[in-house]
Amino acid sequence: MSAPPPAPAHGPGGRRRGDSGQATAFVVVLAVAFLLCLGLVFDGGGLLRARSSAHLMAQEAARVGVQQIDWAAYRSGAEEVGLDPVEASRAAQAFLADAGATGTVTVDGDTVTVTCSVDYGFALLPIGSTTVEATATARPYTSPAAPAP
């Protein structure tokens, strides 16, 4: 006597039963999650670079502004030479414009404070762009007066 034939691998109606197609859905979900992680890493790094760049530009603009002394007082031999606030503000704003950034400059006595704004557009994440700001302050270095000969 011979053994009965094996049962067909499909259910009623001729459709097969099993796990076929489930691996494809898993791979699609995994690929989307991987791309989102890649976007977070790439755009997060870009955002940090933009913030660092804004901070460096604010520092440099403040340094440029604090170098604008009152030349009339310097040439007249005044004991104290301060900043020229109009020139300090103009020079710092010109530096920001040349660097391709925008910002505000505040001159208070001998202190120049610059707030620099930089736009950053996300490359991989679909969330548009954002503005990064950084603030820096500079004061002039003054050396002690030389003793009279």
N, C-alpha and C. Protein backbone atom coordinates (compact mmCIF):
# COMPACT_ATOMS: atom_id res chain seq x y z
N MET A 1 0.81 -1.14 0.00
CA MET A 1 0.00 0.00 0.00
C MET A 1 0.88 1.24 0.00
N SER A 2 0.48 2.23 -0.69
CA SER A 2 1.28 3.43 -0.81
C SER A 2 0.75 4.51 0.14
N ALA A 3 1.64 5.45 0.49
CA ALA A 3 1.27 6.53 1.40
C ALA A 3 0.38 7.53 0.69
N PRO A 4 -0.49 8.21 1.45
CA PRO A 4 -1.35 9.20 0.80
C PRO A 4 -0.51 10.38 0.31
N PRO A 5 -0.96 11.06 -0.71
CA PRO A 5 -0.20 12.21 -1.23
C PRO A 5 -0.14 13.32 -0.17
N PRO A 6 0.94 14.12 -0.19
CA PRO A 6 1.06 15.20 0.79
C PRO A 6 -0.04 16.24 0.58
N ALA A 7 -0.40 16.91 1.67
CA ALA A 7 -1.44 17.94 1.58
C ALA A 7 -0.92 19.13 0.80
N PRO A 8 -1.77 19.77 0.02
CA PRO A 8 -1.32 20.93 -0.74
C PRO A 8 -0.91 22.07 0.21
N ALA A 9 0.01 22.92 -0.26
CA ALA A 9 0.53 24.03 0.55
C ALA A 9 -0.34 25.26 0.46
N HIS A 10 -1.54 25.09 -0.05
CA HIS A 10 -2.42 26.24 -0.15
C HIS A 10 -3.76 25.89 0.46
N GLY A 11 -4.47 26.91 0.87
CA GLY A 11 -5.75 26.71 1.52
C GLY A 11 -6.86 26.69 0.49
N PRO A 12 -8.07 26.81 0.98
CA PRO A 12 -9.20 26.80 0.06
C PRO A 12 -9.12 27.98 -0.91
N GLY A 13 -9.51 27.77 -2.08
CA GLY A 13 -9.49 28.81 -3.10
C GLY A 13 -8.16 28.91 -3.81
N GLY A 14 -7.22 28.07 -3.52
CA GLY A 14 -5.95 28.05 -4.22
C GLY A 14 -4.92 29.04 -3.71
N ARG A 15 -5.22 29.79 -2.64
CA ARG A 15 -4.23 30.74 -2.12
C ARG A 15 -3.29 30.05 -1.17
N ARG A 16 -2.05 30.44 -1.25
CA ARG A 16 -1.04 29.86 -0.36
C ARG A 16 -1.10 30.56 0.99
N ARG A 17 -0.80 29.80 2.01
CA ARG A 17 -0.69 30.36 3.35
C ARG A 17 0.79 30.45 3.70
N GLY A 18 1.14 31.40 4.55
CA GLY A 18 2.52 31.50 4.97
C GLY A 18 2.91 32.93 5.28
N ASP A 19 4.21 33.15 5.37
CA ASP A 19 4.75 34.45 5.77
C ASP A 19 5.30 35.24 4.59
N SER A 20 4.99 34.86 3.40
CA SER A 20 5.58 35.58 2.27
C SER A 20 5.08 37.02 2.25
N GLY A 21 6.00 37.96 2.00
CA GLY A 21 5.67 39.38 1.95
C GLY A 21 5.92 40.10 3.25
N GLN A 22 6.02 39.40 4.35
CA GLN A 22 6.25 40.06 5.63
C GLN A 22 7.68 40.59 5.73
N ALA A 23 8.61 39.93 5.12
CA ALA A 23 10.00 40.41 5.14
C ALA A 23 10.11 41.72 4.38
N THR A 24 9.34 41.89 3.31
CA THR A 24 9.37 43.13 2.54
C THR A 24 8.88 44.30 3.38
N ALA A 25 7.80 44.13 4.12
CA ALA A 25 7.29 45.20 4.97
C ALA A 25 8.30 45.55 6.06
N PHE A 26 8.96 44.55 6.63
CA PHE A 26 9.97 44.79 7.65
C PHE A 26 11.13 45.59 7.08
N VAL A 27 11.58 45.24 5.89
CA VAL A 27 12.70 45.95 5.26
C VAL A 27 12.31 47.39 4.96
N VAL A 28 11.10 47.63 4.51
CA VAL A 28 10.65 49.00 4.21
C VAL A 28 10.64 49.84 5.49
N VAL A 29 10.09 49.32 6.56
CA VAL A 29 10.05 50.05 7.83
C VAL A 29 11.47 50.31 8.34
N LEU A 30 12.32 49.32 8.25
CA LEU A 30 13.70 49.46 8.69
C LEU A 30 14.45 50.49 7.85
N ALA A 31 14.22 50.51 6.54
CA ALA A 31 14.89 51.48 5.66
C ALA A 31 14.45 52.90 5.97
N VAL A 32 13.16 53.11 6.22
CA VAL A 32 12.66 54.45 6.56
C VAL A 32 13.27 54.90 7.89
N ALA A 33 13.32 54.02 8.88
CA ALA A 33 13.92 54.38 10.17
C ALA A 33 15.40 54.71 10.00
N PHE A 34 16.10 53.97 9.17
CA PHE A 34 17.53 54.24 8.92
C PHE A 34 17.72 55.60 8.25
N LEU A 35 16.87 55.92 7.28
CA LEU A 35 16.98 57.22 6.61
C LEU A 35 16.68 58.38 7.56
N LEU A 36 15.72 58.20 8.45
CA LEU A 36 15.44 59.25 9.44
C LEU A 36 16.62 59.45 10.38
N CYS A 37 17.24 58.36 10.81
CA CYS A 37 18.43 58.47 11.67
C CYS A 37 19.57 59.15 10.93
N LEU A 38 19.75 58.80 9.67
CA LEU A 38 20.79 59.43 8.85
C LEU A 38 20.52 60.93 8.72
N GLY A 39 19.27 61.30 8.50
CA GLY A 39 18.91 62.71 8.40
C GLY A 39 19.17 63.46 9.70
N LEU A 40 18.85 62.83 10.83
CA LEU A 40 19.11 63.47 12.12
C LEU A 40 20.59 63.70 12.34
N VAL A 41 21.40 62.73 12.00
CA VAL A 41 22.85 62.87 12.19
C VAL A 41 23.41 63.93 11.25
N PHE A 42 23.04 63.87 9.98
CA PHE A 42 23.59 64.79 8.98
C PHE A 42 23.13 66.23 9.25
N ASP A 43 21.82 66.42 9.42
CA ASP A 43 21.31 67.78 9.63
C ASP A 43 21.63 68.29 11.03
N GLY A 44 21.73 67.39 12.01
CA GLY A 44 22.16 67.82 13.34
C GLY A 44 23.58 68.35 13.32
N GLY A 45 24.45 67.67 12.58
CA GLY A 45 25.83 68.15 12.43
C GLY A 45 25.88 69.47 11.69
N GLY A 46 25.05 69.62 10.67
CA GLY A 46 25.00 70.88 9.93
C GLY A 46 24.51 72.02 10.80
N LEU A 47 23.55 71.74 11.66
CA LEU A 47 23.04 72.76 12.57
C LEU A 47 24.11 73.18 13.57
N LEU A 48 24.88 72.23 14.07
CA LEU A 48 25.99 72.57 14.97
C LEU A 48 27.06 73.39 14.27
N ARG A 49 27.34 73.05 13.00
CA ARG A 49 28.32 73.85 12.24
C ARG A 49 27.80 75.27 12.03
N ALA A 50 26.52 75.43 11.75
CA ALA A 50 25.94 76.76 11.56
C ALA A 50 26.01 77.57 12.85
N ARG A 51 25.74 76.92 13.98
CA ARG A 51 25.80 77.62 15.27
C ARG A 51 27.24 78.05 15.57
N SER A 52 28.19 77.17 15.30
CA SER A 52 29.60 77.50 15.52
C SER A 52 30.03 78.65 14.61
N SER A 53 29.59 78.60 13.37
CA SER A 53 29.92 79.66 12.42
C SER A 53 29.33 81.00 12.87
N ALA A 54 28.09 80.99 13.34
CA ALA A 54 27.47 82.22 13.82
C ALA A 54 28.23 82.78 15.02
N HIS A 55 28.67 81.90 15.90
CA HIS A 55 29.41 82.37 17.08
C HIS A 55 30.76 82.96 16.67
N LEU A 56 31.44 82.31 15.74
CA LEU A 56 32.73 82.84 15.28
C LEU A 56 32.56 84.20 14.60
N MET A 57 31.51 84.34 13.78
CA MET A 57 31.27 85.62 13.11
C MET A 57 30.94 86.71 14.12
N ALA A 58 30.16 86.38 15.16
CA ALA A 58 29.83 87.37 16.19
C ALA A 58 31.08 87.80 16.94
N GLN A 59 31.95 86.84 17.26
CA GLN A 59 33.20 87.18 17.95
C GLN A 59 34.08 88.09 17.09
N GLU A 60 34.24 87.74 15.83
CA GLU A 60 35.09 88.55 14.95
C GLU A 60 34.51 89.94 14.74
N ALA A 61 33.19 90.04 14.56
CA ALA A 61 32.57 91.35 14.37
C ALA A 61 32.75 92.21 15.62
N ALA A 62 32.63 91.60 16.80
CA ALA A 62 32.84 92.37 18.04
C ALA A 62 34.29 92.84 18.14
N ARG A 63 35.23 92.00 17.73
CA ARG A 63 36.64 92.41 17.76
C ARG A 63 36.91 93.54 16.78
N VAL A 64 36.30 93.45 15.60
CA VAL A 64 36.48 94.53 14.61
C VAL A 64 35.90 95.83 15.17
N GLY A 65 34.74 95.75 15.80
CA GLY A 65 34.12 96.95 16.36
C GLY A 65 34.93 97.57 17.47
N VAL A 66 35.51 96.74 18.33
CA VAL A 66 36.23 97.27 19.48
C VAL A 66 37.57 97.89 19.08
N GLN A 67 38.01 97.68 17.87
CA GLN A 67 39.25 98.29 17.40
C GLN A 67 39.06 99.71 16.88
N GLN A 68 37.83 100.17 16.81
CA GLN A 68 37.54 101.50 16.27
C GLN A 68 37.62 102.54 17.39
N ILE A 69 38.81 103.06 17.60
CA ILE A 69 39.02 104.01 18.70
C ILE A 69 38.73 105.43 18.24
N ASP A 70 38.62 106.31 19.20
CA ASP A 70 38.42 107.73 18.94
C ASP A 70 39.78 108.33 18.56
N TRP A 71 40.01 108.45 17.25
CA TRP A 71 41.32 108.89 16.76
C TRP A 71 41.62 110.34 17.13
N ALA A 72 40.61 111.17 17.23
CA ALA A 72 40.86 112.57 17.61
C ALA A 72 41.43 112.64 19.03
N ALA A 73 40.88 111.85 19.94
CA ALA A 73 41.40 111.84 21.31
C ALA A 73 42.80 111.24 21.34
N TYR A 74 43.04 110.23 20.53
CA TYR A 74 44.36 109.60 20.48
C TYR A 74 45.41 110.58 19.99
N ARG A 75 45.09 111.30 18.92
CA ARG A 75 46.06 112.24 18.32
C ARG A 75 46.30 113.46 19.20
N SER A 76 45.31 113.80 20.02
CA SER A 76 45.49 114.97 20.88
C SER A 76 46.29 114.64 22.14
N GLY A 77 46.61 113.35 22.32
CA GLY A 77 47.41 112.95 23.47
C GLY A 77 46.61 112.79 24.74
N ALA A 78 45.31 112.57 24.62
CA ALA A 78 44.46 112.40 25.80
C ALA A 78 44.93 111.19 26.62
N GLU A 79 44.75 111.29 27.93
CA GLU A 79 45.18 110.19 28.79
C GLU A 79 44.34 108.94 28.56
N GLU A 80 43.06 109.10 28.31
CA GLU A 80 42.20 107.96 28.04
C GLU A 80 41.61 108.10 26.66
N VAL A 81 41.73 107.04 25.91
CA VAL A 81 41.17 107.01 24.55
C VAL A 81 40.09 105.94 24.55
N GLY A 82 38.88 106.35 24.20
CA GLY A 82 37.77 105.41 24.20
C GLY A 82 37.38 105.00 22.79
N LEU A 83 36.30 104.26 22.71
CA LEU A 83 35.79 103.83 21.42
C LEU A 83 35.02 104.95 20.75
N ASP A 84 35.02 104.92 19.44
CA ASP A 84 34.12 105.76 18.65
C ASP A 84 32.88 104.90 18.41
N PRO A 85 31.77 105.13 19.12
CA PRO A 85 30.64 104.22 19.05
C PRO A 85 30.01 104.12 17.66
N VAL A 86 29.99 105.21 16.93
CA VAL A 86 29.40 105.17 15.58
C VAL A 86 30.27 104.32 14.66
N GLU A 87 31.57 104.54 14.69
CA GLU A 87 32.48 103.75 13.85
C GLU A 87 32.52 102.29 14.28
N ALA A 88 32.45 102.04 15.58
CA ALA A 88 32.46 100.66 16.07
C ALA A 88 31.25 99.90 15.56
N SER A 89 30.09 100.52 15.64
CA SER A 89 28.87 99.88 15.15
C SER A 89 28.92 99.68 13.64
N ARG A 90 29.38 100.69 12.91
CA ARG A 90 29.46 100.59 11.45
C ARG A 90 30.42 99.49 11.03
N ALA A 91 31.58 99.42 11.66
CA ALA A 91 32.58 98.42 11.28
C ALA A 91 32.09 97.00 11.58
N ALA A 92 31.43 96.81 12.71
CA ALA A 92 30.92 95.48 13.05
C ALA A 92 29.81 95.06 12.09
N GLN A 93 28.91 95.99 11.75
CA GLN A 93 27.84 95.68 10.79
C GLN A 93 28.42 95.37 9.42
N ALA A 94 29.45 96.12 9.01
CA ALA A 94 30.08 95.86 7.71
C ALA A 94 30.73 94.48 7.69
N PHE A 95 31.34 94.07 8.80
CA PHE A 95 31.93 92.74 8.86
C PHE A 95 30.86 91.67 8.70
N LEU A 96 29.75 91.82 9.41
CA LEU A 96 28.67 90.84 9.30
C LEU A 96 28.13 90.78 7.88
N ALA A 97 27.96 91.93 7.25
CA ALA A 97 27.45 91.95 5.87
C ALA A 97 28.42 91.26 4.92
N ASP A 98 29.71 91.52 5.09
CA ASP A 98 30.72 90.87 4.24
C ASP A 98 30.75 89.36 4.45
N ALA A 99 30.44 88.92 5.67
CA ALA A 99 30.44 87.49 5.98
C ALA A 99 29.15 86.80 5.55
N GLY A 100 28.16 87.57 5.09
CA GLY A 100 26.90 86.99 4.64
C GLY A 100 25.93 86.71 5.77
N ALA A 101 26.06 87.44 6.86
CA ALA A 101 25.18 87.24 8.01
C ALA A 101 24.48 88.55 8.34
N THR A 102 23.49 88.46 9.18
CA THR A 102 22.81 89.65 9.69
C THR A 102 22.96 89.66 11.20
N GLY A 103 22.68 90.80 11.80
CA GLY A 103 22.79 90.85 13.25
C GLY A 103 22.62 92.25 13.78
N THR A 104 22.77 92.35 15.09
CA THR A 104 22.67 93.64 15.76
C THR A 104 23.97 93.92 16.49
N VAL A 105 24.29 95.19 16.59
CA VAL A 105 25.51 95.63 17.28
C VAL A 105 25.10 96.65 18.33
N THR A 106 25.60 96.45 19.55
CA THR A 106 25.34 97.38 20.64
C THR A 106 26.68 97.83 21.21
N VAL A 107 26.86 99.15 21.29
CA VAL A 107 28.08 99.71 21.87
C VAL A 107 27.67 100.39 23.17
N ASP A 108 28.26 99.94 24.28
CA ASP A 108 27.96 100.49 25.59
C ASP A 108 29.28 100.82 26.28
N GLY A 109 29.64 102.08 26.25
CA GLY A 109 30.93 102.48 26.83
C GLY A 109 32.07 101.92 26.02
N ASP A 110 32.87 101.05 26.64
CA ASP A 110 33.99 100.44 25.91
C ASP A 110 33.70 98.98 25.57
N THR A 111 32.44 98.59 25.56
CA THR A 111 32.05 97.21 25.27
C THR A 111 31.23 97.15 23.99
N VAL A 112 31.59 96.22 23.11
CA VAL A 112 30.84 96.00 21.87
C VAL A 112 30.22 94.61 21.95
N THR A 113 28.90 94.54 21.81
CA THR A 113 28.18 93.27 21.83
C THR A 113 27.52 93.06 20.48
N VAL A 114 27.76 91.90 19.89
CA VAL A 114 27.23 91.57 18.56
C VAL A 114 26.39 90.31 18.66
N THR A 115 25.19 90.36 18.11
CA THR A 115 24.35 89.18 17.97
C THR A 115 24.25 88.88 16.48
N CYS A 116 24.71 87.70 16.09
CA CYS A 116 24.77 87.30 14.69
C CYS A 116 23.68 86.27 14.40
N SER A 117 22.99 86.43 13.28
CA SER A 117 21.94 85.49 12.86
C SER A 117 22.32 84.86 11.53
N VAL A 118 22.21 83.53 11.47
CA VAL A 118 22.53 82.77 10.26
C VAL A 118 21.37 81.83 9.97
N ASP A 119 20.93 81.78 8.72
CA ASP A 119 19.88 80.84 8.32
C ASP A 119 20.49 79.50 7.96
N TYR A 120 19.84 78.41 8.40
CA TYR A 120 20.30 77.06 8.06
C TYR A 120 19.13 76.29 7.47
N GLY A 121 19.32 75.79 6.25
CA GLY A 121 18.31 74.97 5.60
C GLY A 121 18.64 73.50 5.75
N PHE A 122 17.70 72.73 6.28
CA PHE A 122 17.92 71.30 6.47
C PHE A 122 18.01 70.61 5.12
N ALA A 123 18.99 69.73 4.97
CA ALA A 123 19.23 69.07 3.68
C ALA A 123 18.43 67.79 3.53
N LEU A 124 18.34 66.98 4.57
CA LEU A 124 17.66 65.69 4.47
C LEU A 124 16.31 65.65 5.17
N LEU A 125 16.20 66.31 6.29
CA LEU A 125 14.93 66.29 7.01
C LEU A 125 13.96 67.29 6.38
N PRO A 126 12.72 66.90 6.20
CA PRO A 126 11.75 67.77 5.52
C PRO A 126 11.12 68.78 6.48
N ILE A 127 11.94 69.59 7.14
CA ILE A 127 11.39 70.56 8.09
C ILE A 127 11.78 71.99 7.75
N GLY A 128 12.17 72.25 6.53
CA GLY A 128 12.43 73.62 6.09
C GLY A 128 13.77 74.16 6.56
N SER A 129 13.72 75.33 7.20
CA SER A 129 14.96 75.97 7.64
C SER A 129 14.73 76.61 9.01
N THR A 130 15.82 77.03 9.61
CA THR A 130 15.76 77.68 10.91
C THR A 130 16.83 78.76 10.97
N THR A 131 16.68 79.66 11.90
CA THR A 131 17.67 80.72 12.11
C THR A 131 18.44 80.43 13.38
N VAL A 132 19.76 80.49 13.27
CA VAL A 132 20.65 80.23 14.40
C VAL A 132 21.24 81.57 14.83
N GLU A 133 21.23 81.85 16.12
CA GLU A 133 21.79 83.10 16.64
C GLU A 133 22.90 82.82 17.64
N ALA A 134 23.85 83.74 17.67
CA ALA A 134 24.94 83.66 18.65
C ALA A 134 25.32 85.08 19.04
N THR A 135 25.74 85.26 20.27
CA THR A 135 26.11 86.58 20.78
C THR A 135 27.54 86.54 21.33
N ALA A 136 28.28 87.60 21.05
CA ALA A 136 29.65 87.72 21.56
C ALA A 136 29.89 89.16 22.00
N THR A 137 30.76 89.31 22.97
CA THR A 137 31.10 90.63 23.51
C THR A 137 32.61 90.79 23.51
N ALA A 138 33.06 92.00 23.19
CA ALA A 138 34.50 92.29 23.20
C ALA A 138 34.74 93.61 23.92
N ARG A 139 35.86 93.66 24.60
CA ARG A 139 36.32 94.89 25.25
C ARG A 139 37.75 95.12 24.82
N PRO A 140 38.16 96.37 24.72
CA PRO A 140 39.55 96.62 24.30
C PRO A 140 40.53 96.26 25.40
N TYR A 141 41.66 95.80 24.97
CA TYR A 141 42.76 95.53 25.90
C TYR A 141 43.52 96.83 26.09
N THR A 142 43.70 97.21 27.31
CA THR A 142 44.46 98.43 27.58
C THR A 142 45.68 98.06 28.41
N SER A 143 46.79 98.58 27.99
CA SER A 143 48.02 98.32 28.74
C SER A 143 48.20 99.44 29.76
N PRO A 144 48.91 99.16 30.82
CA PRO A 144 49.15 100.21 31.80
C PRO A 144 49.97 101.34 31.17
N ALA A 145 49.74 102.52 31.67
CA ALA A 145 50.46 103.68 31.14
C ALA A 145 51.96 103.53 31.39
N ALA A 146 52.71 103.93 30.42
CA ALA A 146 54.17 103.88 30.56
C ALA A 146 54.61 104.96 31.54
N PRO A 147 55.60 104.66 32.36
CA PRO A 147 56.07 105.68 33.31
C PRO A 147 56.71 106.85 32.56
N ALA A 148 56.55 108.00 33.11
CA ALA A 148 57.13 109.19 32.49
C ALA A 148 58.65 109.13 32.61
N PRO A 149 59.36 109.54 31.56
CA PRO A 149 60.84 109.49 31.62
C PRO A 149 61.42 110.54 32.52
